[in-house]
PDB file of N, CA and C in Angstrom:
ATOM      1  N   MET A   1      63.861  -8.841 195.235  1.00  0.00           N
ATOM      2  CA  MET A   1      65.188  -9.102 195.218  1.00  0.00           C
ATOM      3  C   MET A   1      66.041  -8.056 195.945  1.00  0.00           C
ATOM      4  N   ALA A   2      65.639  -6.938 196.003  1.00  0.00           N
ATOM      5  CA  ALA A   2      66.381  -5.842 196.562  1.00  0.00           C
ATOM      6  C   ALA A   2      66.586  -6.001 198.161  1.00  0.00           C
ATOM      7  N   GLU A   3      65.547  -6.711 198.710  1.00  0.00           N
ATOM      8  CA  GLU A   3      65.738  -7.072 200.138  1.00  0.00           C
ATOM      9  C   GLU A   3      67.034  -7.857 200.452  1.00  0.00           C
ATOM     10  N   ASN A   4      67.285  -8.845 199.638  1.00  0.00           N
ATOM     11  CA  ASN A   4      68.400  -9.711 199.908  1.00  0.00           C
ATOM     12  C   ASN A   4      69.064 -10.041 198.539  1.00  0.00           C
ATOM     13  N   PRO A   5      70.012  -9.375 197.999  1.00  0.00           N
ATOM     14  CA  PRO A   5      70.689  -9.518 196.770  1.00  0.00           C
ATOM     15  C   PRO A   5      71.450 -10.815 196.678  1.00  0.00           C
ATOM     16  N   ASP A   6      71.652 -11.454 197.829  1.00  0.00           N
ATOM     17  CA  ASP A   6      72.495 -12.707 197.852  1.00  0.00           C
ATOM     18  C   ASP A   6      71.568 -13.910 197.500  1.00  0.00           C
ATOM     19  N   LYS A   7      70.275 -13.721 197.412  1.00  0.00           N
ATOM     20  CA  LYS A   7      69.415 -14.847 197.084  1.00  0.00           C
ATOM     21  C   LYS A   7      69.487 -15.069 195.650  1.00  0.00           C
ATOM     22  N   THR A   8      69.297 -16.311 195.292  1.00  0.00           N
ATOM     23  CA  THR A   8      69.428 -16.861 193.824  1.00  0.00           C
ATOM     24  C   THR A   8      68.052 -16.502 193.275  1.00  0.00           C
ATOM     25  N   VAL A   9      67.747 -16.520 192.043  1.00  0.00           N
ATOM     26  CA  VAL A   9      66.517 -16.251 191.456  1.00  0.00           C
ATOM     27  C   VAL A   9      65.530 -17.365 191.871  1.00  0.00           C
ATOM     28  N   LEU A  10      66.031 -18.480 191.945  1.00  0.00           N
ATOM     29  CA  LEU A  10      65.169 -19.639 192.343  1.00  0.00           C
ATOM     30  C   LEU A  10      64.724 -19.416 193.704  1.00  0.00           C
ATOM     31  N   GLU A  11      65.465 -18.889 194.711  1.00  0.00           N
ATOM     32  CA  GLU A  11      65.090 -18.658 196.053  1.00  0.00           C
ATOM     33  C   GLU A  11      64.123 -17.464 196.121  1.00  0.00           C
ATOM     34  N   TRP A  12      64.489 -16.468 195.315  1.00  0.00           N
ATOM     35  CA  TRP A  12      63.619 -15.268 195.176  1.00  0.00           C
ATOM     36  C   TRP A  12      62.258 -15.725 194.662  1.00  0.00           C
ATOM     37  N   ALA A  13      62.193 -16.409 193.534  1.00  0.00           N
ATOM     38  CA  ALA A  13      60.881 -16.753 193.000  1.00  0.00           C
ATOM     39  C   ALA A  13      60.029 -17.598 194.017  1.00  0.00           C
ATOM     40  N   SER A  14      60.710 -18.530 194.563  1.00  0.00           N
ATOM     41  CA  SER A  14      59.883 -19.299 195.652  1.00  0.00           C
ATOM     42  C   SER A  14      59.366 -18.496 196.795  1.00  0.00           C
ATOM     43  N   SER A  15      60.167 -17.550 197.167  1.00  0.00           N
ATOM     44  CA  SER A  15      59.731 -16.644 198.271  1.00  0.00           C
ATOM     45  C   SER A  15      58.631 -15.746 197.721  1.00  0.00           C
ATOM     46  N   PHE A  16      58.692 -15.287 196.480  1.00  0.00           N
ATOM     47  CA  PHE A  16      57.641 -14.485 195.916  1.00  0.00           C
ATOM     48  C   PHE A  16      56.369 -15.216 195.875  1.00  0.00           C
ATOM     49  N   PHE A  17      56.417 -16.367 195.378  1.00  0.00           N
ATOM     50  CA  PHE A  17      55.234 -17.157 195.222  1.00  0.00           C
ATOM     51  C   PHE A  17      54.650 -17.560 196.537  1.00  0.00           C
ATOM     52  N   ASP A  18      55.419 -17.833 197.494  1.00  0.00           N
ATOM     53  CA  ASP A  18      54.955 -18.012 198.898  1.00  0.00           C
ATOM     54  C   ASP A  18      54.224 -16.869 199.461  1.00  0.00           C
ATOM     55  N   SER A  19      54.848 -15.652 199.273  1.00  0.00           N
ATOM     56  CA  SER A  19      54.266 -14.525 199.800  1.00  0.00           C
ATOM     57  C   SER A  19      53.007 -14.131 199.068  1.00  0.00           C
ATOM     58  N   THR A  20      53.002 -14.278 197.730  1.00  0.00           N
ATOM     59  CA  THR A  20      51.699 -14.162 196.866  1.00  0.00           C
ATOM     60  C   THR A  20      50.582 -14.972 197.423  1.00  0.00           C
ATOM     61  N   GLU A  21      50.956 -16.337 197.624  1.00  0.00           N
ATOM     62  CA  GLU A  21      49.882 -17.264 198.136  1.00  0.00           C
ATOM     63  C   GLU A  21      49.374 -16.826 199.468  1.00  0.00           C
ATOM     64  N   ALA A  22      50.168 -16.437 200.443  1.00  0.00           N
ATOM     65  CA  ALA A  22      49.756 -15.946 201.717  1.00  0.00           C
ATOM     66  C   ALA A  22      48.904 -14.710 201.555  1.00  0.00           C
ATOM     67  N   LEU A  23      49.253 -13.802 200.722  1.00  0.00           N
ATOM     68  CA  LEU A  23      48.503 -12.562 200.519  1.00  0.00           C
ATOM     69  C   LEU A  23      47.099 -12.851 200.009  1.00  0.00           C
ATOM     70  N   VAL A  24      47.058 -13.696 199.019  1.00  0.00           N
ATOM     71  CA  VAL A  24      45.691 -14.159 198.456  1.00  0.00           C
ATOM     72  C   VAL A  24      44.799 -14.696 199.605  1.00  0.00           C
ATOM     73  N   ARG A  25      45.350 -15.564 200.370  1.00  0.00           N
ATOM     74  CA  ARG A  25      44.567 -16.196 201.500  1.00  0.00           C
ATOM     75  C   ARG A  25      44.110 -15.078 202.414  1.00  0.00           C
ATOM     76  N   GLU A  26      44.995 -14.210 202.761  1.00  0.00           N
ATOM     77  CA  GLU A  26      44.753 -13.157 203.731  1.00  0.00           C
ATOM     78  C   GLU A  26      43.738 -12.110 203.314  1.00  0.00           C
ATOM     79  N   GLN A  27      43.829 -11.728 202.000  1.00  0.00           N
ATOM     80  CA  GLN A  27      43.119 -10.667 201.464  1.00  0.00           C
ATOM     81  C   GLN A  27      41.756 -11.103 200.803  1.00  0.00           C
ATOM     82  N   LEU A  28      41.492 -12.299 200.579  1.00  0.00           N
ATOM     83  CA  LEU A  28      40.303 -12.761 200.087  1.00  0.00           C
ATOM     84  C   LEU A  28      39.057 -12.507 200.903  1.00  0.00           C
ATOM     85  N   ALA A  29      39.228 -12.646 202.227  1.00  0.00           N
ATOM     86  CA  ALA A  29      38.153 -12.243 203.145  1.00  0.00           C
ATOM     87  C   ALA A  29      37.805 -10.937 203.048  1.00  0.00           C
ATOM     88  N   TRP A  30      38.793  -9.904 203.015  1.00  0.00           N
ATOM     89  CA  TRP A  30      38.643  -8.561 202.915  1.00  0.00           C
ATOM     90  C   TRP A  30      37.893  -8.127 201.603  1.00  0.00           C
ATOM     91  N   PHE A  31      38.395  -8.767 200.437  1.00  0.00           N
ATOM     92  CA  PHE A  31      37.697  -8.634 199.203  1.00  0.00           C
ATOM     93  C   PHE A  31      36.352  -8.955 199.188  1.00  0.00           C
ATOM     94  N   LYS A  32      35.975 -10.115 199.949  1.00  0.00           N
ATOM     95  CA  LYS A  32      34.543 -10.636 199.886  1.00  0.00           C
ATOM     96  C   LYS A  32      33.704  -9.578 200.650  1.00  0.00           C
ATOM     97  N   SER A  33      34.316  -9.014 201.721  1.00  0.00           N
ATOM     98  CA  SER A  33      33.537  -8.005 202.677  1.00  0.00           C
ATOM     99  C   SER A  33      33.274  -6.700 201.862  1.00  0.00           C
ATOM    100  N   VAL A  34      34.212  -6.384 200.996  1.00  0.00           N
ATOM    101  CA  VAL A  34      34.167  -5.086 200.241  1.00  0.00           C
ATOM    102  C   VAL A  34      33.466  -5.120 198.981  1.00  0.00           C
ATOM    103  N   PHE A  35      33.612  -6.191 198.200  1.00  0.00           N
ATOM    104  CA  PHE A  35      32.967  -6.342 196.879  1.00  0.00           C
ATOM    105  C   PHE A  35      31.824  -7.334 197.060  1.00  0.00           C
ATOM    106  N   HIS A  36      30.698  -6.749 197.064  1.00  0.00           N
ATOM    107  CA  HIS A  36      29.433  -7.581 197.291  1.00  0.00           C
ATOM    108  C   HIS A  36      29.079  -8.181 195.887  1.00  0.00           C
ATOM    109  N   PRO A  37      28.862  -9.485 195.709  1.00  0.00           N
ATOM    110  CA  PRO A  37      28.581 -10.101 194.520  1.00  0.00           C
ATOM    111  C   PRO A  37      27.307  -9.594 193.777  1.00  0.00           C
ATOM    112  N   ALA A  38      26.373  -9.097 194.541  1.00  0.00           N
ATOM    113  CA  ALA A  38      25.198  -8.652 193.905  1.00  0.00           C
ATOM    114  C   ALA A  38      25.411  -7.265 193.121  1.00  0.00           C
ATOM    115  N   TYR A  39      26.478  -6.566 193.464  1.00  0.00           N
ATOM    116  CA  TYR A  39      26.679  -5.253 192.813  1.00  0.00           C
ATOM    117  C   TYR A  39      28.049  -5.184 192.083  1.00  0.00           C
ATOM    118  N   ASP A  40      28.903  -5.974 192.486  1.00  0.00           N
ATOM    119  CA  ASP A  40      30.250  -5.815 191.856  1.00  0.00           C
ATOM    120  C   ASP A  40      30.680  -7.231 191.266  1.00  0.00           C
ATOM    121  N   SER A  41      31.924  -7.259 190.626  1.00  0.00           N
ATOM    122  CA  SER A  41      32.415  -8.567 190.199  1.00  0.00           C
ATOM    123  C   SER A  41      32.705  -9.317 191.348  1.00  0.00           C
ATOM    124  N   PRO A  42      32.774 -10.653 191.259  1.00  0.00           N
ATOM    125  CA  PRO A  42      33.213 -11.531 192.373  1.00  0.00           C
ATOM    126  C   PRO A  42      34.429 -11.070 193.004  1.00  0.00           C
ATOM    127  N   ALA A  43      34.533 -11.362 194.295  1.00  0.00           N
ATOM    128  CA  ALA A  43      35.675 -10.885 195.159  1.00  0.00           C
ATOM    129  C   ALA A  43      37.021 -11.484 194.421  1.00  0.00           C
ATOM    130  N   GLY A  44      36.951 -12.722 194.123  1.00  0.00           N
ATOM    131  CA  GLY A  44      38.069 -13.358 193.537  1.00  0.00           C
ATOM    132  C   GLY A  44      38.631 -12.751 192.283  1.00  0.00           C
ATOM    133  N   GLU A  45      37.737 -12.428 191.371  1.00  0.00           N
ATOM    134  CA  GLU A  45      38.127 -11.574 190.175  1.00  0.00           C
ATOM    135  C   GLU A  45      38.771 -10.245 190.494  1.00  0.00           C
ATOM    136  N   ASN A  46      38.168  -9.589 191.469  1.00  0.00           N
ATOM    137  CA  ASN A  46      38.728  -8.310 191.863  1.00  0.00           C
ATOM    138  C   ASN A  46      40.162  -8.381 192.457  1.00  0.00           C
ATOM    139  N   LEU A  47      40.298  -9.540 193.290  1.00  0.00           N
ATOM    140  CA  LEU A  47      41.650  -9.779 193.850  1.00  0.00           C
ATOM    141  C   LEU A  47      42.756 -10.140 192.823  1.00  0.00           C
ATOM    142  N   VAL A  48      42.360 -10.973 191.893  1.00  0.00           N
ATOM    143  CA  VAL A  48      43.152 -11.450 190.741  1.00  0.00           C
ATOM    144  C   VAL A  48      43.565 -10.164 189.884  1.00  0.00           C
ATOM    145  N   GLN A  49      42.674  -9.306 189.615  1.00  0.00           N
ATOM    146  CA  GLN A  49      42.901  -8.016 188.930  1.00  0.00           C
ATOM    147  C   GLN A  49      43.892  -7.136 189.697  1.00  0.00           C
ATOM    148  N   ALA A  50      43.699  -7.104 190.957  1.00  0.00           N
ATOM    149  CA  ALA A  50      44.658  -6.353 191.779  1.00  0.00           C
ATOM    150  C   ALA A  50      46.106  -6.927 191.712  1.00  0.00           C
ATOM    151  N   LEU A  51      46.246  -8.199 191.912  1.00  0.00           N
ATOM    152  CA  LEU A  51      47.516  -8.894 191.790  1.00  0.00           C
ATOM    153  C   LEU A  51      48.062  -8.799 190.482  1.00  0.00           C
ATOM    154  N   LEU A  52      47.275  -8.777 189.412  1.00  0.00           N
ATOM    155  CA  LEU A  52      47.798  -8.603 187.975  1.00  0.00           C
ATOM    156  C   LEU A  52      48.392  -7.180 187.857  1.00  0.00           C
ATOM    157  N   GLU A  53      47.697  -6.229 188.426  1.00  0.00           N
ATOM    158  CA  GLU A  53      48.266  -4.833 188.402  1.00  0.00           C
ATOM    159  C   GLU A  53      49.501  -4.756 188.944  1.00  0.00           C
ATOM    160  N   VAL A  54      49.673  -5.352 190.126  1.00  0.00           N
ATOM    161  CA  VAL A  54      50.897  -5.308 190.831  1.00  0.00           C
ATOM    162  C   VAL A  54      51.990  -6.067 190.100  1.00  0.00           C
ATOM    163  N   HIS A  55      51.692  -7.226 189.677  1.00  0.00           N
ATOM    164  CA  HIS A  55      52.719  -8.022 188.886  1.00  0.00           C
ATOM    165  C   HIS A  55      53.292  -7.334 187.547  1.00  0.00           C
ATOM    166  N   THR A  56      52.269  -6.683 186.969  1.00  0.00           N
ATOM    167  CA  THR A  56      52.790  -6.038 185.570  1.00  0.00           C
ATOM    168  C   THR A  56      53.529  -4.866 185.929  1.00  0.00           C
ATOM    169  N   SER A  57      53.397  -4.237 187.101  1.00  0.00           N
ATOM    170  CA  SER A  57      54.182  -2.997 187.320  1.00  0.00           C
ATOM    171  C   SER A  57      55.442  -3.168 188.173  1.00  0.00           C
ATOM    172  N   MET A  58      55.651  -4.561 188.455  1.00  0.00           N
ATOM    173  CA  MET A  58      57.018  -4.751 189.288  1.00  0.00           C
ATOM    174  C   MET A  58      58.219  -4.457 188.390  1.00  0.00           C
ATOM    175  N   GLU A  59      59.270  -4.034 189.060  1.00  0.00           N
ATOM    176  CA  GLU A  59      60.569  -3.677 188.474  1.00  0.00           C
ATOM    177  C   GLU A  59      61.611  -4.420 189.306  1.00  0.00           C
ATOM    178  N   PRO A  60      62.477  -5.141 188.858  1.00  0.00           N
ATOM    179  CA  PRO A  60      62.540  -5.687 187.406  1.00  0.00           C
ATOM    180  C   PRO A  60      61.370  -6.637 187.315  1.00  0.00           C
ATOM    181  N   LYS A  61      61.082  -6.870 186.116  1.00  0.00           N
ATOM    182  CA  LYS A  61      59.995  -7.830 185.695  1.00  0.00           C
ATOM    183  C   LYS A  61      60.473  -9.295 186.015  1.00  0.00           C
ATOM    184  N   PHE A  62      59.411 -10.103 186.300  1.00  0.00           N
ATOM    185  CA  PHE A  62      59.877 -11.485 186.686  1.00  0.00           C
ATOM    186  C   PHE A  62      60.578 -12.203 185.553  1.00  0.00           C
ATOM    187  N   ASP A  63      60.040 -11.965 184.335  1.00  0.00           N
ATOM    188  CA  ASP A  63      60.625 -12.642 183.240  1.00  0.00           C
ATOM    189  C   ASP A  63      62.111 -12.232 182.955  1.00  0.00           C
ATOM    190  N   PHE A  64      62.334 -11.035 183.276  1.00  0.00           N
ATOM    191  CA  PHE A  64      63.643 -10.415 183.059  1.00  0.00           C
ATOM    192  C   PHE A  64      64.557 -11.132 184.041  1.00  0.00           C
ATOM    193  N   CYS A  65      64.267 -11.340 185.211  1.00  0.00           N
ATOM    194  CA  CYS A  65      64.980 -11.992 186.254  1.00  0.00           C
ATOM    195  C   CYS A  65      65.176 -13.389 185.896  1.00  0.00           C
ATOM    196  N   LEU A  66      64.106 -14.126 185.400  1.00  0.00           N
ATOM    197  CA  LEU A  66      64.204 -15.432 184.929  1.00  0.00           C
ATOM    198  C   LEU A  66      65.183 -15.606 183.736  1.00  0.00           C
ATOM    199  N   ASP A  67      65.007 -14.769 182.763  1.00  0.00           N
ATOM    200  CA  ASP A  67      65.902 -14.764 181.606  1.00  0.00           C
ATOM    201  C   ASP A  67      67.313 -14.613 182.086  1.00  0.00           C
ATOM    202  N   ALA A  68      67.600 -13.670 182.872  1.00  0.00           N
ATOM    203  CA  ALA A  68      68.957 -13.465 183.315  1.00  0.00           C
ATOM    204  C   ALA A  68      69.508 -14.499 184.027  1.00  0.00           C
ATOM    205  N   SER A  69      68.849 -15.209 184.739  1.00  0.00           N
ATOM    206  CA  SER A  69      69.289 -16.370 185.619  1.00  0.00           C
ATOM    207  C   SER A  69      69.539 -17.594 184.584  1.00  0.00           C
ATOM    208  N   ILE A  70      68.620 -17.781 183.623  1.00  0.00           N
ATOM    209  CA  ILE A  70      68.904 -18.902 182.651  1.00  0.00           C
ATOM    210  C   ILE A  70      70.167 -18.720 181.810  1.00  0.00           C
ATOM    211  N   LYS A  71      70.483 -17.420 181.555  1.00  0.00           N
ATOM    212  CA  LYS A  71      71.666 -17.189 180.765  1.00  0.00           C
ATOM    213  C   LYS A  71      72.983 -17.576 181.604  1.00  0.00           C
ATOM    214  N   GLN A  72      72.849 -17.500 182.915  1.00  0.00           N
ATOM    215  CA  GLN A  72      73.998 -17.842 183.746  1.00  0.00           C
ATOM    216  C   GLN A  72      74.138 -19.388 184.000  1.00  0.00           C
ATOM    217  N   GLN A  73      73.233 -20.125 183.602  1.00  0.00           N
ATOM    218  CA  GLN A  73      73.168 -21.625 183.846  1.00  0.00           C
ATOM    219  C   GLN A  73      73.992 -22.371 182.732  1.00  0.00           C
ATOM    220  N   GLY A  74      74.755 -23.356 183.163  1.00  0.00           N
ATOM    221  CA  GLY A  74      75.449 -24.329 182.185  1.00  0.00           C
ATOM    222  C   GLY A  74      74.385 -25.325 181.576  1.00  0.00           C
ATOM    223  N   GLU A  75      73.492 -25.611 182.403  1.00  0.00           N
ATOM    224  CA  GLU A  75      72.360 -26.487 181.939  1.00  0.00           C
ATOM    225  C   GLU A  75      70.964 -25.777 182.067  1.00  0.00           C
ATOM    226  N   PRO A  76      70.614 -25.061 181.037  1.00  0.00           N
ATOM    227  CA  PRO A  76      69.428 -24.181 181.133  1.00  0.00           C
ATOM    228  C   PRO A  76      68.116 -24.934 181.269  1.00  0.00           C
ATOM    229  N   ILE A  77      67.982 -26.152 180.474  1.00  0.00           N
ATOM    230  CA  ILE A  77      66.889 -27.027 180.563  1.00  0.00           C
ATOM    231  C   ILE A  77      66.636 -27.633 181.979  1.00  0.00           C
ATOM    232  N   ALA A  78      67.733 -28.058 182.573  1.00  0.00           N
ATOM    233  CA  ALA A  78      67.647 -28.591 183.927  1.00  0.00           C
ATOM    234  C   ALA A  78      67.323 -27.604 184.973  1.00  0.00           C
ATOM    235  N   TYR A  79      67.868 -26.351 184.686  1.00  0.00           N
ATOM    236  CA  TYR A  79      67.573 -25.294 185.519  1.00  0.00           C
ATOM    237  C   TYR A  79      65.954 -24.866 185.523  1.00  0.00           C
ATOM    238  N   LEU A  80      65.528 -24.879 184.278  1.00  0.00           N
ATOM    239  CA  LEU A  80      64.066 -24.517 184.137  1.00  0.00           C
ATOM    240  C   LEU A  80      63.202 -25.655 184.834  1.00  0.00           C
ATOM    241  N   ALA A  81      63.587 -26.930 184.761  1.00  0.00           N
ATOM    242  CA  ALA A  81      62.908 -27.890 185.301  1.00  0.00           C
ATOM    243  C   ALA A  81      62.916 -27.751 186.907  1.00  0.00           C
ATOM    244  N   GLN A  82      64.069 -27.312 187.393  1.00  0.00           N
ATOM    245  CA  GLN A  82      64.158 -27.056 188.764  1.00  0.00           C
ATOM    246  C   GLN A  82      63.314 -25.884 189.234  1.00  0.00           C
ATOM    247  N   VAL A  83      63.268 -24.768 188.496  1.00  0.00           N
ATOM    248  CA  VAL A  83      62.439 -23.652 188.699  1.00  0.00           C
ATOM    249  C   VAL A  83      61.065 -24.044 188.653  1.00  0.00           C
ATOM    250  N   SER A  84      60.637 -24.869 187.766  1.00  0.00           N
ATOM    251  CA  SER A  84      59.196 -25.247 187.674  1.00  0.00           C
ATOM    252  C   SER A  84      58.658 -26.089 188.744  1.00  0.00           C
ATOM    253  N   SER A  85      59.616 -26.914 189.317  1.00  0.00           N
ATOM    254  CA  SER A  85      59.247 -27.785 190.433  1.00  0.00           C
ATOM    255  C   SER A  85      59.552 -27.111 191.759  1.00  0.00           C
ATOM    256  N   SER A  86      60.185 -25.964 191.841  1.00  0.00           N
ATOM    257  CA  SER A  86      60.462 -25.328 193.144  1.00  0.00           C
ATOM    258  C   SER A  86      59.204 -24.860 193.829  1.00  0.00           C
ATOM    259  N   ARG A  87      58.086 -24.708 193.313  1.00  0.00           N
ATOM    260  CA  ARG A  87      56.904 -24.262 193.783  1.00  0.00           C
ATOM    261  C   ARG A  87      56.192 -25.456 194.449  1.00  0.00           C
TER     262      ARG A  87
END
């Protein structure tokens, strides 16, 4: 969000998930070459663990941003439906 403060939370969330999806596709090959399944956890598990570490250390937290944006909506249920379908 700091990159473009004029983006709505909906635009930011969509951009975040698009970036995360691209990162997963890009990094999975690397994780497969580094984490051998005979010796380590599967590459996918290691990648998910790394993404969870990043997600839990993000500031501001994703749920904080979503909660703040919901409070600004006149129709919070319609907004949540829009958020869930934006992906």
